[in-house]
Each structure stands twice: as C-alpha cells, then as structure tokens.
Amino acid sequence: TEALARKQVEQMIRERQKAAHRAHHAREKVSKSVDKYLPQWLQRMRKRDLALGILPPLHPFRTGVTRLVNAQRFDQFMLVIIVTSSVALAIEPPTVAARAATPEG
C-alpha cells in the first residue's frame, strides 16, 4: 500500500506540474497578444523586466522591498495604519473638516 500511495503522490505531482506548465504557456500567450498593442518603449521595458524602468529583478533595493512587502508583519502594520486612520477620521469633529474646506481656513 505504501508503494501505491507513493505512485499516487508522484502522479499528482506530475499532473500539477503539467497544469502549471499549461498555465504558464497560457499567460505567455495572453502577454504576447497584449504586447502588440502597447507602445514600443513599454514593450521593451516589459521584456527587460525593469521596475520603475531602471531596477533589474535582482537589484538589492528591489529584492529588499519585495521581502518587506511579502512579510506578514507588513500586512499587520498596514492594517493597524488603516484602522488608526479610520478611527481618526471618525472621531474628528465636523468643524475641523468644514474649516479646512473654507478659503480662509
């Protein structure tokens, strides 16, 4: 039974790899069909995969920002910032907002 289970797992892995391969080719096909409608400069930039048009994929700044944004603590921090901002807007007296909207405010 262990050999049968191992074969089933290997088959599942092969099927997932095939599905991933098909999905990759589908994305490439869509990307190529979209690329022909983009301006030339944007097509060149996409081929080089440059962030902000200047940073290559393995640039230390780009990899550092990617690590930061993908960290779970970053998500938690952003949620705290959003909730804090929402609470601050909710407790702000209406006169402050009205005064800021007036020309002499």
PDB file of N, CA and C in Angstrom:
ATOM      1  N   THR A   1       0.822  -1.199   0.000  1.00  0.00           N
ATOM      2  CA  THR A   1       0.000   0.000   0.000  1.00  0.00           C
ATOM      3  C   THR A   1       0.864   1.260   0.000  1.00  0.00           C
ATOM      4  N   GLU A   2       2.051   1.160   0.612  1.00  0.00           N
ATOM      5  CA  GLU A   2       2.930   2.321   0.628  1.00  0.00           C
ATOM      6  C   GLU A   2       3.423   2.653  -0.776  1.00  0.00           C
ATOM      7  N   ALA A   3       3.724   1.634  -1.549  1.00  0.00           N
ATOM      8  CA  ALA A   3       4.172   1.850  -2.926  1.00  0.00           C
ATOM      9  C   ALA A   3       3.041   2.456  -3.756  1.00  0.00           C
ATOM     10  N   LEU A   4       1.821   2.001  -3.524  1.00  0.00           N
ATOM     11  CA  LEU A   4       0.667   2.545  -4.248  1.00  0.00           C
ATOM     12  C   LEU A   4       0.453   4.012  -3.886  1.00  0.00           C
ATOM     13  N   ALA A   5       0.572   4.319  -2.607  1.00  0.00           N
ATOM     14  CA  ALA A   5       0.411   5.706  -2.165  1.00  0.00           C
ATOM     15  C   ALA A   5       1.500   6.586  -2.776  1.00  0.00           C
ATOM     16  N   ARG A   6       2.731   6.069  -2.824  1.00  0.00           N
ATOM     17  CA  ARG A   6       3.834   6.832  -3.406  1.00  0.00           C
ATOM     18  C   ARG A   6       3.582   7.091  -4.892  1.00  0.00           C
ATOM     19  N   LYS A   7       3.074   6.090  -5.604  1.00  0.00           N
ATOM     20  CA  LYS A   7       2.766   6.268  -7.035  1.00  0.00           C
ATOM     21  C   LYS A   7       1.675   7.308  -7.226  1.00  0.00           C
ATOM     22  N   GLN A   8       0.661   7.269  -6.340  1.00  0.00           N
ATOM     23  CA  GLN A   8      -0.423   8.247  -6.445  1.00  0.00           C
ATOM     24  C   GLN A   8       0.093   9.662  -6.207  1.00  0.00           C
ATOM     25  N   VAL A   9       0.959   9.804  -5.226  1.00  0.00           N
ATOM     26  CA  VAL A   9       1.531  11.123  -4.938  1.00  0.00           C
ATOM     27  C   VAL A   9       2.373  11.599  -6.117  1.00  0.00           C
ATOM     28  N   GLU A  10       3.188  10.723  -6.684  1.00  0.00           N
ATOM     29  CA  GLU A  10       4.004  11.092  -7.837  1.00  0.00           C
ATOM     30  C   GLU A  10       3.142  11.480  -9.023  1.00  0.00           C
ATOM     31  N   GLN A  11       2.041  10.772  -9.216  1.00  0.00           N
ATOM     32  CA  GLN A  11       1.136  11.092 -10.315  1.00  0.00           C
ATOM     33  C   GLN A  11       0.494  12.461 -10.086  1.00  0.00           C
ATOM     34  N   MET A  12       0.102  12.742  -8.837  1.00  0.00           N
ATOM     35  CA  MET A  12      -0.487  14.043  -8.530  1.00  0.00           C
ATOM     36  C   MET A  12       0.519  15.158  -8.780  1.00  0.00           C
ATOM     37  N   ILE A  13       1.776  14.913  -8.416  1.00  0.00           N
ATOM     38  CA  ILE A  13       2.810  15.925  -8.640  1.00  0.00           C
ATOM     39  C   ILE A  13       3.008  16.169 -10.126  1.00  0.00           C
ATOM     40  N   ARG A  14       3.059  15.091 -10.929  1.00  0.00           N
ATOM     41  CA  ARG A  14       3.207  15.249 -12.383  1.00  0.00           C
ATOM     42  C   ARG A  14       2.026  16.016 -12.966  1.00  0.00           C
ATOM     43  N   GLU A  15       0.809  15.724 -12.500  1.00  0.00           N
ATOM     44  CA  GLU A  15      -0.373  16.427 -13.009  1.00  0.00           C
ATOM     45  C   GLU A  15      -0.318  17.907 -12.667  1.00  0.00           C
ATOM     46  N   ARG A  16       0.117  18.218 -11.452  1.00  0.00           N
ATOM     47  CA  ARG A  16       0.221  19.631 -11.066  1.00  0.00           C
ATOM     48  C   ARG A  16       1.292  20.345 -11.876  1.00  0.00           C
ATOM     49  N   GLN A  17       2.398  19.657 -12.147  1.00  0.00           N
ATOM     50  CA  GLN A  17       3.448  20.260 -12.959  1.00  0.00           C
ATOM     51  C   GLN A  17       2.953  20.525 -14.378  1.00  0.00           C
ATOM     52  N   LYS A  18       2.197  19.572 -14.924  1.00  0.00           N
ATOM     53  CA  LYS A  18       1.639  19.769 -16.264  1.00  0.00           C
ATOM     54  C   LYS A  18       0.665  20.935 -16.272  1.00  0.00           C
ATOM     55  N   ALA A  19      -0.170  21.017 -15.229  1.00  0.00           N
ATOM     56  CA  ALA A  19      -1.131  22.127 -15.146  1.00  0.00           C
ATOM     57  C   ALA A  19      -0.403  23.460 -15.033  1.00  0.00           C
ATOM     58  N   ALA A  20       0.656  23.501 -14.236  1.00  0.00           N
ATOM     59  CA  ALA A  20       1.434  24.731 -14.100  1.00  0.00           C
ATOM     60  C   ALA A  20       2.084  25.108 -15.429  1.00  0.00           C
ATOM     61  N   HIS A  21       2.567  24.104 -16.148  1.00  0.00           N
ATOM     62  CA  HIS A  21       3.189  24.337 -17.449  1.00  0.00           C
ATOM     63  C   HIS A  21       2.159  24.905 -18.426  1.00  0.00           C
ATOM     64  N   ARG A  22       0.968  24.316 -18.454  1.00  0.00           N
ATOM     65  CA  ARG A  22      -0.096  24.827 -19.342  1.00  0.00           C
ATOM     66  C   ARG A  22      -0.485  26.252 -18.965  1.00  0.00           C
ATOM     67  N   ALA A  23      -0.583  26.521 -17.666  1.00  0.00           N
ATOM     68  CA  ALA A  23      -0.950  27.865 -17.220  1.00  0.00           C
ATOM     69  C   ALA A  23       0.125  28.872 -17.620  1.00  0.00           C
ATOM     70  N   HIS A  24       1.388  28.480 -17.501  1.00  0.00           N
ATOM     71  CA  HIS A  24       2.492  29.371 -17.894  1.00  0.00           C
ATOM     72  C   HIS A  24       2.400  29.712 -19.378  1.00  0.00           C
ATOM     73  N   HIS A  25       2.151  28.713 -20.209  1.00  0.00           N
ATOM     74  CA  HIS A  25       2.036  28.964 -21.651  1.00  0.00           C
ATOM     75  C   HIS A  25       0.814  29.827 -21.964  1.00  0.00           C
ATOM     76  N   ALA A  26      -0.265  29.623 -21.233  1.00  0.00           N
ATOM     77  CA  ALA A  26      -1.451  30.458 -21.449  1.00  0.00           C
ATOM     78  C   ALA A  26      -1.155  31.908 -21.090  1.00  0.00           C
ATOM     79  N   ARG A  27      -0.440  32.134 -19.977  1.00  0.00           N
ATOM     80  CA  ARG A  27      -0.082  33.506 -19.594  1.00  0.00           C
ATOM     81  C   ARG A  27       0.835  34.139 -20.634  1.00  0.00           C
ATOM     82  N   GLU A  28       1.786  33.370 -21.138  1.00  0.00           N
ATOM     83  CA  GLU A  28       2.680  33.898 -22.173  1.00  0.00           C
ATOM     84  C   GLU A  28       1.904  34.289 -23.423  1.00  0.00           C
ATOM     85  N   LYS A  29       0.948  33.456 -23.801  1.00  0.00           N
ATOM     86  CA  LYS A  29       0.152  33.729 -24.994  1.00  0.00           C
ATOM     87  C   LYS A  29      -0.651  35.017 -24.818  1.00  0.00           C
ATOM     88  N   VAL A  30      -1.266  35.183 -23.650  1.00  0.00           N
ATOM     89  CA  VAL A  30      -2.031  36.406 -23.382  1.00  0.00           C
ATOM     90  C   VAL A  30      -1.101  37.608 -23.369  1.00  0.00           C
ATOM     91  N   SER A  31       0.052  37.457 -22.728  1.00  0.00           N
ATOM     92  CA  SER A  31       1.011  38.551 -22.651  1.00  0.00           C
ATOM     93  C   SER A  31       1.469  38.982 -24.048  1.00  0.00           C
ATOM     94  N   LYS A  32       1.742  38.019 -24.909  1.00  0.00           N
ATOM     95  CA  LYS A  32       2.167  38.354 -26.274  1.00  0.00           C
ATOM     96  C   LYS A  32       1.058  39.040 -27.057  1.00  0.00           C
ATOM     97  N   SER A  33      -0.189  38.602 -26.843  1.00  0.00           N
ATOM     98  CA  SER A  33      -1.283  39.225 -27.576  1.00  0.00           C
ATOM     99  C   SER A  33      -1.531  40.641 -27.075  1.00  0.00           C
ATOM    100  N   VAL A  34      -1.269  40.891 -25.795  1.00  0.00           N
ATOM    101  CA  VAL A  34      -1.442  42.237 -25.250  1.00  0.00           C
ATOM    102  C   VAL A  34      -0.275  43.123 -25.667  1.00  0.00           C
ATOM    103  N   ASP A  35       0.932  42.563 -25.707  1.00  0.00           N
ATOM    104  CA  ASP A  35       2.130  43.337 -26.025  1.00  0.00           C
ATOM    105  C   ASP A  35       2.050  44.048 -27.375  1.00  0.00           C
ATOM    106  N   LYS A  36       1.405  43.443 -28.339  1.00  0.00           N
ATOM    107  CA  LYS A  36       1.395  44.080 -29.666  1.00  0.00           C
ATOM    108  C   LYS A  36       0.596  45.375 -29.689  1.00  0.00           C
ATOM    109  N   TYR A  37      -0.221  45.628 -28.643  1.00  0.00           N
ATOM    110  CA  TYR A  37      -0.995  46.871 -28.579  1.00  0.00           C
ATOM    111  C   TYR A  37      -0.327  47.930 -27.702  1.00  0.00           C
ATOM    112  N   LEU A  38       0.782  47.576 -27.069  1.00  0.00           N
ATOM    113  CA  LEU A  38       1.479  48.523 -26.208  1.00  0.00           C
ATOM    114  C   LEU A  38       2.469  49.347 -27.018  1.00  0.00           C
ATOM    115  N   PRO A  39       2.789  50.547 -26.530  1.00  0.00           N
ATOM    116  CA  PRO A  39       3.823  51.343 -27.206  1.00  0.00           C
ATOM    117  C   PRO A  39       5.165  50.615 -27.179  1.00  0.00           C
ATOM    118  N   GLN A  40       6.033  50.953 -28.113  1.00  0.00           N
ATOM    119  CA  GLN A  40       7.327  50.280 -28.240  1.00  0.00           C
ATOM    120  C   GLN A  40       8.163  50.378 -26.972  1.00  0.00           C
ATOM    121  N   TRP A  41       8.203  51.552 -26.348  1.00  0.00           N
ATOM    122  CA  TRP A  41       9.026  51.727 -25.156  1.00  0.00           C
ATOM    123  C   TRP A  41       8.538  50.844 -24.019  1.00  0.00           C
ATOM    124  N   LEU A  42       7.219  50.664 -23.916  1.00  0.00           N
ATOM    125  CA  LEU A  42       6.673  49.819 -22.859  1.00  0.00           C
ATOM    126  C   LEU A  42       6.926  48.342 -23.153  1.00  0.00           C
ATOM    127  N   GLN A  43       6.886  47.974 -24.417  1.00  0.00           N
ATOM    128  CA  GLN A  43       7.211  46.598 -24.786  1.00  0.00           C
ATOM    129  C   GLN A  43       8.661  46.270 -24.411  1.00  0.00           C
ATOM    130  N   ARG A  44       9.577  47.201 -24.699  1.00  0.00           N
ATOM    131  CA  ARG A  44      10.982  46.972 -24.348  1.00  0.00           C
ATOM    132  C   ARG A  44      11.171  46.864 -22.840  1.00  0.00           C
ATOM    133  N   MET A  45      10.465  47.708 -22.101  1.00  0.00           N
ATOM    134  CA  MET A  45      10.586  47.695 -20.651  1.00  0.00           C
ATOM    135  C   MET A  45      10.068  46.374 -20.076  1.00  0.00           C
ATOM    136  N   ARG A  46       8.971  45.874 -20.615  1.00  0.00           N
ATOM    137  CA  ARG A  46       8.415  44.615 -20.114  1.00  0.00           C
ATOM    138  C   ARG A  46       9.348  43.449 -20.413  1.00  0.00           C
ATOM    139  N   LYS A  47      10.006  43.489 -21.549  1.00  0.00           N
ATOM    140  CA  LYS A  47      10.931  42.405 -21.894  1.00  0.00           C
ATOM    141  C   LYS A  47      12.133  42.396 -20.963  1.00  0.00           C
ATOM    142  N   ARG A  48      12.576  43.575 -20.553  1.00  0.00           N
ATOM    143  CA  ARG A  48      13.734  43.650 -19.664  1.00  0.00           C
ATOM    144  C   ARG A  48      13.347  43.435 -18.211  1.00  0.00           C
ATOM    145  N   ASP A  49      12.052  43.523 -17.885  1.00  0.00           N
ATOM    146  CA  ASP A  49      11.547  43.335 -16.530  1.00  0.00           C
ATOM    147  C   ASP A  49      12.191  44.319 -15.561  1.00  0.00           C
ATOM    148  N   LEU A  50      12.144  45.593 -15.887  1.00  0.00           N
ATOM    149  CA  LEU A  50      12.729  46.619 -15.046  1.00  0.00           C
ATOM    150  C   LEU A  50      11.645  47.299 -14.224  1.00  0.00           C
ATOM    151  N   ALA A  51      11.830  47.345 -12.908  1.00  0.00           N
ATOM    152  CA  ALA A  51      10.915  48.073 -12.047  1.00  0.00           C
ATOM    153  C   ALA A  51      11.245  49.556 -12.151  1.00  0.00           C
ATOM    154  N   LEU A  52      10.241  50.378 -12.279  1.00  0.00           N
ATOM    155  CA  LEU A  52      10.406  51.823 -12.441  1.00  0.00           C
ATOM    156  C   LEU A  52      11.260  52.167 -13.652  1.00  0.00           C
ATOM    157  N   GLY A  53      11.435  51.206 -14.536  1.00  0.00           N
ATOM    158  CA  GLY A  53      12.211  51.421 -15.739  1.00  0.00           C
ATOM    159  C   GLY A  53      13.711  51.407 -15.538  1.00  0.00           C
ATOM    160  N   ILE A  54      14.179  51.207 -14.280  1.00  0.00           N
ATOM    161  CA  ILE A  54      15.618  51.266 -14.030  1.00  0.00           C
ATOM    162  C   ILE A  54      16.158  50.121 -13.180  1.00  0.00           C
ATOM    163  N   LEU A  55      15.308  49.480 -12.364  1.00  0.00           N
ATOM    164  CA  LEU A  55      15.806  48.471 -11.430  1.00  0.00           C
ATOM    165  C   LEU A  55      15.633  47.057 -11.976  1.00  0.00           C
ATOM    166  N   PRO A  56      16.741  46.341 -12.191  1.00  0.00           N
ATOM    167  CA  PRO A  56      16.636  44.954 -12.661  1.00  0.00           C
ATOM    168  C   PRO A  56      16.087  44.050 -11.562  1.00  0.00           C
ATOM    169  N   PRO A  57      15.646  42.849 -11.914  1.00  0.00           N
ATOM    170  CA  PRO A  57      14.996  41.963 -10.940  1.00  0.00           C
ATOM    171  C   PRO A  57      15.821  41.656  -9.691  1.00  0.00           C
ATOM    172  N   LEU A  58      17.136  41.555  -9.804  1.00  0.00           N
ATOM    173  CA  LEU A  58      17.947  41.178  -8.645  1.00  0.00           C
ATOM    174  C   LEU A  58      18.631  42.368  -7.973  1.00  0.00           C
ATOM    175  N   HIS A  59      18.181  43.569  -8.264  1.00  0.00           N
ATOM    176  CA  HIS A  59      18.740  44.752  -7.619  1.00  0.00           C
ATOM    177  C   HIS A  59      18.450  44.676  -6.117  1.00  0.00           C
ATOM    178  N   PRO A  60      19.429  45.015  -5.262  1.00  0.00           N
ATOM    179  CA  PRO A  60      19.227  44.891  -3.808  1.00  0.00           C
ATOM    180  C   PRO A  60      18.020  45.669  -3.283  1.00  0.00           C
ATOM    181  N   PHE A  61      17.782  46.859  -3.799  1.00  0.00           N
ATOM    182  CA  PHE A  61      16.625  47.637  -3.340  1.00  0.00           C
ATOM    183  C   PHE A  61      15.330  46.925  -3.690  1.00  0.00           C
ATOM    184  N   ARG A  62      15.254  46.419  -4.912  1.00  0.00           N
ATOM    185  CA  ARG A  62      14.032  45.741  -5.364  1.00  0.00           C
ATOM    186  C   ARG A  62      13.784  44.457  -4.567  1.00  0.00           C
ATOM    187  N   THR A  63      14.823  43.668  -4.325  1.00  0.00           N
ATOM    188  CA  THR A  63      14.642  42.440  -3.547  1.00  0.00           C
ATOM    189  C   THR A  63      14.307  42.756  -2.096  1.00  0.00           C
ATOM    190  N   GLY A  64      14.900  43.818  -1.551  1.00  0.00           N
ATOM    191  CA  GLY A  64      14.590  44.208  -0.173  1.00  0.00           C
ATOM    192  C   GLY A  64      13.148  44.648  -0.006  1.00  0.00           C
ATOM    193  N   VAL A  65      12.668  45.463  -0.938  1.00  0.00           N
ATOM    194  CA  VAL A  65      11.273  45.914  -0.877  1.00  0.00           C
ATOM    195  C   VAL A  65      10.323  44.729  -1.053  1.00  0.00           C
ATOM    196  N   THR A  66      10.680  43.811  -1.926  1.00  0.00           N
ATOM    197  CA  THR A  66       9.842  42.625  -2.122  1.00  0.00           C
ATOM    198  C   THR A  66       9.759  41.808  -0.843  1.00  0.00           C
ATOM    199  N   ARG A  67      10.909  41.620  -0.176  1.00  0.00           N
ATOM    200  CA  ARG A  67      10.910  40.885   1.098  1.00  0.00           C
ATOM    201  C   ARG A  67      10.054  41.601   2.130  1.00  0.00           C
ATOM    202  N   LEU A  68      10.182  42.933   2.199  1.00  0.00           N
ATOM    203  CA  LEU A  68       9.426  43.726   3.169  1.00  0.00           C
ATOM    204  C   LEU A  68       7.925  43.603   2.937  1.00  0.00           C
ATOM    205  N   VAL A  69       7.515  43.766   1.695  1.00  0.00           N
ATOM    206  CA  VAL A  69       6.084  43.754   1.375  1.00  0.00           C
ATOM    207  C   VAL A  69       5.481  42.363   1.551  1.00  0.00           C
ATOM    208  N   ASN A  70       6.263  41.323   1.341  1.00  0.00           N
ATOM    209  CA  ASN A  70       5.743  39.965   1.483  1.00  0.00           C
ATOM    210  C   ASN A  70       5.766  39.459   2.923  1.00  0.00           C
ATOM    211  N   ALA A  71       6.329  40.226   3.847  1.00  0.00           N
ATOM    212  CA  ALA A  71       6.380  39.809   5.249  1.00  0.00           C
ATOM    213  C   ALA A  71       5.004  39.926   5.890  1.00  0.00           C
ATOM    214  N   GLN A  72       4.686  38.989   6.767  1.00  0.00           N
ATOM    215  CA  GLN A  72       3.385  39.004   7.441  1.00  0.00           C
ATOM    216  C   GLN A  72       3.258  40.240   8.339  1.00  0.00           C
ATOM    217  N   ARG A  73       4.333  40.659   8.947  1.00  0.00           N
ATOM    218  CA  ARG A  73       4.306  41.845   9.815  1.00  0.00           C
ATOM    219  C   ARG A  73       3.909  43.098   9.026  1.00  0.00           C
ATOM    220  N   PHE A  74       4.295  43.160   7.766  1.00  0.00           N
ATOM    221  CA  PHE A  74       3.936  44.311   6.936  1.00  0.00           C
ATOM    222  C   PHE A  74       2.419  44.386   6.772  1.00  0.00           C
ATOM    223  N   ASP A  75       1.777  43.257   6.513  1.00  0.00           N
ATOM    224  CA  ASP A  75       0.315  43.235   6.400  1.00  0.00           C
ATOM    225  C   ASP A  75      -0.334  43.701   7.698  1.00  0.00           C
ATOM    226  N   GLN A  76       0.168  43.207   8.806  1.00  0.00           N
ATOM    227  CA  GLN A  76      -0.392  43.602  10.101  1.00  0.00           C
ATOM    228  C   GLN A  76      -0.181  45.095  10.348  1.00  0.00           C
ATOM    229  N   PHE A  77       0.996  45.595  10.024  1.00  0.00           N
ATOM    230  CA  PHE A  77       1.291  47.011  10.193  1.00  0.00           C
ATOM    231  C   PHE A  77       0.355  47.869   9.350  1.00  0.00           C
ATOM    232  N   MET A  78       0.153  47.486   8.106  1.00  0.00           N
ATOM    233  CA  MET A  78      -0.722  48.258   7.225  1.00  0.00           C
ATOM    234  C   MET A  78      -2.164  48.249   7.731  1.00  0.00           C
ATOM    235  N   LEU A  79      -2.616  47.110   8.252  1.00  0.00           N
ATOM    236  CA  LEU A  79      -3.973  47.057   8.810  1.00  0.00           C
ATOM    237  C   LEU A  79      -4.101  47.984  10.020  1.00  0.00           C
ATOM    238  N   VAL A  80      -3.084  48.030  10.859  1.00  0.00           N
ATOM    239  CA  VAL A  80      -3.110  48.943  12.011  1.00  0.00           C
ATOM    240  C   VAL A  80      -3.165  50.388  11.532  1.00  0.00           C
ATOM    241  N   ILE A  81      -2.390  50.723  10.527  1.00  0.00           N
ATOM    242  CA  ILE A  81      -2.400  52.088   9.986  1.00  0.00           C
ATOM    243  C   ILE A  81      -3.782  52.436   9.423  1.00  0.00           C
ATOM    244  N   ILE A  82      -4.398  51.525   8.701  1.00  0.00           N
ATOM    245  CA  ILE A  82      -5.717  51.777   8.110  1.00  0.00           C
ATOM    246  C   ILE A  82      -6.771  51.959   9.193  1.00  0.00           C
ATOM    247  N   VAL A  83      -6.751  51.082  10.197  1.00  0.00           N
ATOM    248  CA  VAL A  83      -7.736  51.193  11.286  1.00  0.00           C
ATOM    249  C   VAL A  83      -7.518  52.492  12.055  1.00  0.00           C
ATOM    250  N   THR A  84      -6.270  52.835  12.335  1.00  0.00           N
ATOM    251  CA  THR A  84      -5.969  54.077  13.049  1.00  0.00           C
ATOM    252  C   THR A  84      -6.457  55.283  12.262  1.00  0.00           C
ATOM    253  N   SER A  85      -6.233  55.281  10.975  1.00  0.00           N
ATOM    254  CA  SER A  85      -6.692  56.383  10.130  1.00  0.00           C
ATOM    255  C   SER A  85      -8.214  56.477  10.127  1.00  0.00           C
ATOM    256  N   SER A  86      -8.869  55.329  10.055  1.00  0.00           N
ATOM    257  CA  SER A  86     -10.332  55.322  10.056  1.00  0.00           C
ATOM    258  C   SER A  86     -10.890  55.843  11.372  1.00  0.00           C
ATOM    259  N   VAL A  87     -10.279  55.421  12.476  1.00  0.00           N
ATOM    260  CA  VAL A  87     -10.723  55.899  13.792  1.00  0.00           C
ATOM    261  C   VAL A  87     -10.491  57.404  13.907  1.00  0.00           C
ATOM    262  N   ALA A  88      -9.357  57.870  13.440  1.00  0.00           N
ATOM    263  CA  ALA A  88      -9.061  59.309  13.491  1.00  0.00           C
ATOM    264  C   ALA A  88     -10.079  60.103  12.679  1.00  0.00           C
ATOM    265  N   LEU A  89     -10.463  59.607  11.525  1.00  0.00           N
ATOM    266  CA  LEU A  89     -11.482  60.288  10.720  1.00  0.00           C
ATOM    267  C   LEU A  89     -12.845  60.260  11.398  1.00  0.00           C
ATOM    268  N   ALA A  90     -13.153  59.154  12.073  1.00  0.00           N
ATOM    269  CA  ALA A  90     -14.456  59.017  12.731  1.00  0.00           C
ATOM    270  C   ALA A  90     -14.581  59.942  13.930  1.00  0.00           C
ATOM    271  N   ILE A  91     -13.507  60.161  14.672  1.00  0.00           N
ATOM    272  CA  ILE A  91     -13.605  60.991  15.874  1.00  0.00           C
ATOM    273  C   ILE A  91     -13.298  62.461  15.616  1.00  0.00           C
ATOM    274  N   GLU A  92     -12.894  62.781  14.423  1.00  0.00           N
ATOM    275  CA  GLU A  92     -12.589  64.175  14.082  1.00  0.00           C
ATOM    276  C   GLU A  92     -13.875  64.990  14.094  1.00  0.00           C
ATOM    277  N   PRO A  93     -13.886  66.109  14.801  1.00  0.00           N
ATOM    278  CA  PRO A  93     -15.102  66.934  14.821  1.00  0.00           C
ATOM    279  C   PRO A  93     -15.396  67.517  13.441  1.00  0.00           C
ATOM    280  N   PRO A  94     -16.666  67.649  13.101  1.00  0.00           N
ATOM    281  CA  PRO A  94     -17.015  68.173  11.766  1.00  0.00           C
ATOM    282  C   PRO A  94     -16.515  69.594  11.538  1.00  0.00           C
ATOM    283  N   THR A  95     -16.322  70.361  12.585  1.00  0.00           N
ATOM    284  CA  THR A  95     -15.881  71.747  12.404  1.00  0.00           C
ATOM    285  C   THR A  95     -14.469  71.817  11.838  1.00  0.00           C
ATOM    286  N   VAL A  96     -13.645  70.858  12.165  1.00  0.00           N
ATOM    287  CA  VAL A  96     -12.268  70.852  11.639  1.00  0.00           C
ATOM    288  C   VAL A  96     -12.291  70.665  10.143  1.00  0.00           C
ATOM    289  N   ALA A  97     -13.113  69.723   9.670  1.00  0.00           N
ATOM    290  CA  ALA A  97     -13.214  69.457   8.235  1.00  0.00           C
ATOM    291  C   ALA A  97     -13.830  70.646   7.511  1.00  0.00           C
ATOM    292  N   ALA A  98     -14.860  71.279   8.109  1.00  0.00           N
ATOM    293  CA  ALA A  98     -15.508  72.416   7.481  1.00  0.00           C
ATOM    294  C   ALA A  98     -14.566  73.604   7.425  1.00  0.00           C
ATOM    295  N   ARG A  99     -13.778  73.832   8.466  1.00  0.00           N
ATOM    296  CA  ARG A  99     -12.841  74.932   8.494  1.00  0.00           C
ATOM    297  C   ARG A  99     -11.748  74.744   7.445  1.00  0.00           C
ATOM    298  N   ALA A 100     -11.310  73.530   7.248  1.00  0.00           N
ATOM    299  CA  ALA A 100     -10.267  73.267   6.260  1.00  0.00           C
ATOM    300  C   ALA A 100     -10.785  73.466   4.835  1.00  0.00           C
ATOM    301  N   ALA A 101     -12.097  73.301   4.638  1.00  0.00           N
ATOM    302  CA  ALA A 101     -12.666  73.422   3.296  1.00  0.00           C
ATOM    303  C   ALA A 101     -12.930  74.876   2.919  1.00  0.00           C
ATOM    304  N   THR A 102     -12.966  75.776   3.868  1.00  0.00           N
ATOM    305  CA  THR A 102     -13.229  77.186   3.563  1.00  0.00           C
ATOM    306  C   THR A 102     -11.965  77.847   3.019  1.00  0.00           C
ATOM    307  N   PRO A 103     -12.117  78.883   2.182  1.00  0.00           N
ATOM    308  CA  PRO A 103     -10.948  79.531   1.580  1.00  0.00           C
ATOM    309  C   PRO A 103      -9.989  80.151   2.596  1.00  0.00           C
ATOM    310  N   GLU A 104     -10.523  80.712   3.694  1.00  0.00           N
ATOM    311  CA  GLU A 104      -9.632  81.346   4.661  1.00  0.00           C
ATOM    312  C   GLU A 104      -9.086  80.353   5.680  1.00  0.00           C
ATOM    313  N   GLY A 105      -9.562  79.067   5.635  1.00  0.00           N
ATOM    314  CA  GLY A 105      -9.206  78.021   6.581  1.00  0.00           C
ATOM    315  C   GLY A 105      -7.803  77.675   6.572  1.00  0.00           C
TER     316      GLY A 105
END
